[in-house]
Amino acid sequence: MFGPLPRLHRSLLVLVTVLVGVAAGAWLGQSTPELLVSVGALAGGLSGIGLAWLLVHRPTPHAVRARHRR
């Protein structure tokens, strides 16, 4: 999605995305009546990893047929 980023920027983007996912999951888990903070943090971390993969994943380009001139 973001295109070719340097390794440091990709790493920081992934780290921030995962940390925000863990924090959001822990916050949502804390607001439940059973206080499922660890389950929420785990779910948030997994969704953060998935979102980070989508952010830095480069889709493969579609094959384009070349035209031949004679």
N, C-alpha and C. Protein backbone atom coordinates (compact mmCIF):
# COMPACT_ATOMS: atom_id res chain seq x y z
N MET A 1 0.82 -1.18 0.00
CA MET A 1 0.00 0.00 0.00
C MET A 1 0.87 1.25 0.00
N PHE A 2 1.88 1.31 0.84
CA PHE A 2 2.74 2.48 0.90
C PHE A 2 3.86 2.43 -0.13
N GLY A 3 4.00 1.32 -0.82
CA GLY A 3 5.05 1.21 -1.81
C GLY A 3 6.37 0.79 -1.19
N PRO A 4 7.43 0.91 -1.96
CA PRO A 4 8.73 0.50 -1.45
C PRO A 4 9.25 1.50 -0.42
N LEU A 5 9.30 1.09 0.81
CA LEU A 5 9.83 1.91 1.89
C LEU A 5 11.18 1.36 2.32
N PRO A 6 12.05 2.21 2.85
CA PRO A 6 13.30 1.69 3.43
C PRO A 6 12.99 0.75 4.60
N ARG A 7 13.92 -0.12 4.88
CA ARG A 7 13.72 -1.14 5.91
C ARG A 7 13.39 -0.54 7.27
N LEU A 8 14.05 0.55 7.64
CA LEU A 8 13.79 1.19 8.93
C LEU A 8 12.36 1.71 9.01
N HIS A 9 11.90 2.34 7.95
CA HIS A 9 10.55 2.88 7.96
C HIS A 9 9.49 1.77 7.99
N ARG A 10 9.74 0.70 7.26
CA ARG A 10 8.81 -0.44 7.32
C ARG A 10 8.77 -1.03 8.71
N SER A 11 9.93 -1.18 9.33
CA SER A 11 9.99 -1.75 10.68
C SER A 11 9.25 -0.86 11.68
N LEU A 12 9.46 0.44 11.59
CA LEU A 12 8.76 1.36 12.49
C LEU A 12 7.26 1.34 12.25
N LEU A 13 6.85 1.27 11.00
CA LEU A 13 5.42 1.21 10.68
C LEU A 13 4.79 -0.04 11.25
N VAL A 14 5.46 -1.17 11.10
CA VAL A 14 4.95 -2.43 11.64
C VAL A 14 4.90 -2.38 13.16
N LEU A 15 5.95 -1.88 13.79
CA LEU A 15 6.01 -1.81 15.26
C LEU A 15 4.89 -0.92 15.81
N VAL A 16 4.71 0.25 15.23
CA VAL A 16 3.66 1.15 15.70
C VAL A 16 2.28 0.55 15.49
N THR A 17 2.07 -0.09 14.35
CA THR A 17 0.76 -0.69 14.07
C THR A 17 0.44 -1.81 15.06
N VAL A 18 1.42 -2.66 15.35
CA VAL A 18 1.20 -3.75 16.29
C VAL A 18 0.97 -3.21 17.71
N LEU A 19 1.76 -2.21 18.11
CA LEU A 19 1.58 -1.64 19.44
C LEU A 19 0.22 -0.97 19.60
N VAL A 20 -0.23 -0.28 18.58
CA VAL A 20 -1.57 0.34 18.64
C VAL A 20 -2.64 -0.74 18.70
N GLY A 21 -2.46 -1.84 17.96
CA GLY A 21 -3.41 -2.94 18.02
C GLY A 21 -3.46 -3.58 19.40
N VAL A 22 -2.30 -3.79 20.01
CA VAL A 22 -2.25 -4.38 21.35
C VAL A 22 -2.90 -3.45 22.36
N ALA A 23 -2.59 -2.15 22.27
CA ALA A 23 -3.18 -1.19 23.22
C ALA A 23 -4.69 -1.09 23.04
N ALA A 24 -5.15 -1.08 21.81
CA ALA A 24 -6.60 -1.01 21.57
C ALA A 24 -7.29 -2.28 22.06
N GLY A 25 -6.68 -3.44 21.81
CA GLY A 25 -7.26 -4.69 22.29
C GLY A 25 -7.29 -4.77 23.81
N ALA A 26 -6.22 -4.31 24.45
CA ALA A 26 -6.19 -4.32 25.92
C ALA A 26 -7.22 -3.36 26.48
N TRP A 27 -7.37 -2.21 25.84
CA TRP A 27 -8.37 -1.24 26.30
C TRP A 27 -9.79 -1.80 26.15
N LEU A 28 -10.06 -2.44 25.01
CA LEU A 28 -11.38 -3.05 24.82
C LEU A 28 -11.59 -4.22 25.78
N GLY A 29 -10.54 -5.00 26.03
CA GLY A 29 -10.64 -6.11 26.97
C GLY A 29 -10.85 -5.63 28.40
N GLN A 30 -10.28 -4.49 28.72
CA GLN A 30 -10.43 -3.93 30.07
C GLN A 30 -11.84 -3.41 30.28
N SER A 31 -12.49 -2.98 29.21
CA SER A 31 -13.84 -2.42 29.36
C SER A 31 -14.93 -3.48 29.40
N THR A 32 -14.57 -4.75 29.25
CA THR A 32 -15.56 -5.82 29.36
C THR A 32 -15.81 -6.14 30.84
N PRO A 33 -16.96 -6.70 31.14
CA PRO A 33 -17.25 -7.01 32.54
C PRO A 33 -16.31 -8.07 33.13
N GLU A 34 -15.79 -8.97 32.32
CA GLU A 34 -14.92 -10.04 32.83
C GLU A 34 -13.46 -9.63 32.89
N LEU A 35 -13.12 -8.43 32.43
CA LEU A 35 -11.75 -7.94 32.40
C LEU A 35 -10.82 -8.89 31.65
N LEU A 36 -11.08 -9.05 30.38
CA LEU A 36 -10.29 -9.94 29.53
C LEU A 36 -9.17 -9.14 28.85
N VAL A 37 -8.30 -8.55 29.64
CA VAL A 37 -7.25 -7.69 29.11
C VAL A 37 -6.27 -8.49 28.26
N SER A 38 -5.84 -9.64 28.74
CA SER A 38 -4.85 -10.41 27.99
C SER A 38 -5.43 -10.95 26.69
N VAL A 39 -6.68 -11.37 26.71
CA VAL A 39 -7.32 -11.87 25.47
C VAL A 39 -7.49 -10.72 24.49
N GLY A 40 -7.89 -9.56 24.99
CA GLY A 40 -8.02 -8.40 24.12
C GLY A 40 -6.70 -7.95 23.55
N ALA A 41 -5.65 -7.99 24.36
CA ALA A 41 -4.32 -7.61 23.88
C ALA A 41 -3.83 -8.60 22.82
N LEU A 42 -4.09 -9.88 23.02
CA LEU A 42 -3.71 -10.89 22.03
C LEU A 42 -4.47 -10.69 20.73
N ALA A 43 -5.77 -10.48 20.82
CA ALA A 43 -6.57 -10.25 19.62
C ALA A 43 -6.14 -8.96 18.92
N GLY A 44 -5.87 -7.92 19.68
CA GLY A 44 -5.41 -6.68 19.10
C GLY A 44 -4.04 -6.82 18.45
N GLY A 45 -3.17 -7.59 19.06
CA GLY A 45 -1.85 -7.83 18.48
C GLY A 45 -1.93 -8.60 17.18
N LEU A 46 -2.79 -9.61 17.15
CA LEU A 46 -2.95 -10.39 15.92
C LEU A 46 -3.57 -9.55 14.80
N SER A 47 -4.55 -8.75 15.14
CA SER A 47 -5.13 -7.88 14.12
C SER A 47 -4.13 -6.80 13.71
N GLY A 48 -3.29 -6.34 14.64
CA GLY A 48 -2.24 -5.38 14.30
C GLY A 48 -1.22 -5.97 13.35
N ILE A 49 -0.88 -7.23 13.55
CA ILE A 49 0.06 -7.90 12.64
C ILE A 49 -0.56 -8.02 11.25
N GLY A 50 -1.83 -8.38 11.21
CA GLY A 50 -2.51 -8.47 9.91
C GLY A 50 -2.59 -7.13 9.21
N LEU A 51 -2.90 -6.09 9.95
CA LEU A 51 -2.97 -4.75 9.36
C LEU A 51 -1.59 -4.28 8.93
N ALA A 52 -0.57 -4.58 9.72
CA ALA A 52 0.79 -4.19 9.34
C ALA A 52 1.22 -4.91 8.06
N TRP A 53 0.84 -6.16 7.92
CA TRP A 53 1.18 -6.89 6.70
C TRP A 53 0.50 -6.25 5.49
N LEU A 54 -0.76 -5.85 5.66
CA LEU A 54 -1.46 -5.20 4.57
C LEU A 54 -0.83 -3.85 4.21
N LEU A 55 -0.32 -3.15 5.22
CA LEU A 55 0.27 -1.85 4.95
C LEU A 55 1.58 -1.94 4.19
N VAL A 56 2.41 -2.92 4.47
CA VAL A 56 3.72 -2.99 3.84
C VAL A 56 3.79 -4.01 2.71
N HIS A 57 2.73 -4.74 2.46
CA HIS A 57 2.72 -5.76 1.41
C HIS A 57 2.61 -5.09 0.05
N ARG A 58 3.47 -5.49 -0.84
CA ARG A 58 3.40 -4.98 -2.21
C ARG A 58 2.67 -6.01 -3.06
N PRO A 59 1.54 -5.64 -3.63
CA PRO A 59 0.84 -6.59 -4.48
C PRO A 59 1.65 -6.85 -5.75
N THR A 60 1.56 -8.06 -6.25
CA THR A 60 2.28 -8.38 -7.47
C THR A 60 1.56 -7.74 -8.65
N PRO A 61 2.30 -7.16 -9.55
CA PRO A 61 1.65 -6.51 -10.69
C PRO A 61 1.03 -7.55 -11.62
N HIS A 62 -0.04 -7.15 -12.24
CA HIS A 62 -0.71 -8.04 -13.19
C HIS A 62 0.12 -8.13 -14.46
N ALA A 63 0.08 -9.29 -15.07
CA ALA A 63 0.82 -9.48 -16.30
C ALA A 63 0.17 -8.68 -17.43
N VAL A 64 0.98 -7.96 -18.16
CA VAL A 64 0.49 -7.17 -19.27
C VAL A 64 1.10 -7.73 -20.54
N ARG A 65 0.23 -7.97 -21.52
CA ARG A 65 0.74 -8.51 -22.77
C ARG A 65 1.43 -7.42 -23.53
N ALA A 66 2.60 -7.74 -24.01
CA ALA A 66 3.37 -6.78 -24.81
C ALA A 66 2.90 -6.85 -26.26
N ARG A 67 2.81 -5.68 -26.86
CA ARG A 67 2.42 -5.63 -28.28
C ARG A 67 3.69 -5.65 -29.11
N HIS A 68 3.63 -6.43 -30.16
CA HIS A 68 4.79 -6.54 -31.06
C HIS A 68 4.49 -5.73 -32.31
N ARG A 69 5.44 -4.87 -32.67
CA ARG A 69 5.31 -4.12 -33.92
C ARG A 69 6.17 -4.79 -34.96
N ARG A 70 5.66 -4.80 -36.15
CA ARG A 70 6.42 -5.39 -37.26
C ARG A 70 6.73 -4.36 -38.30
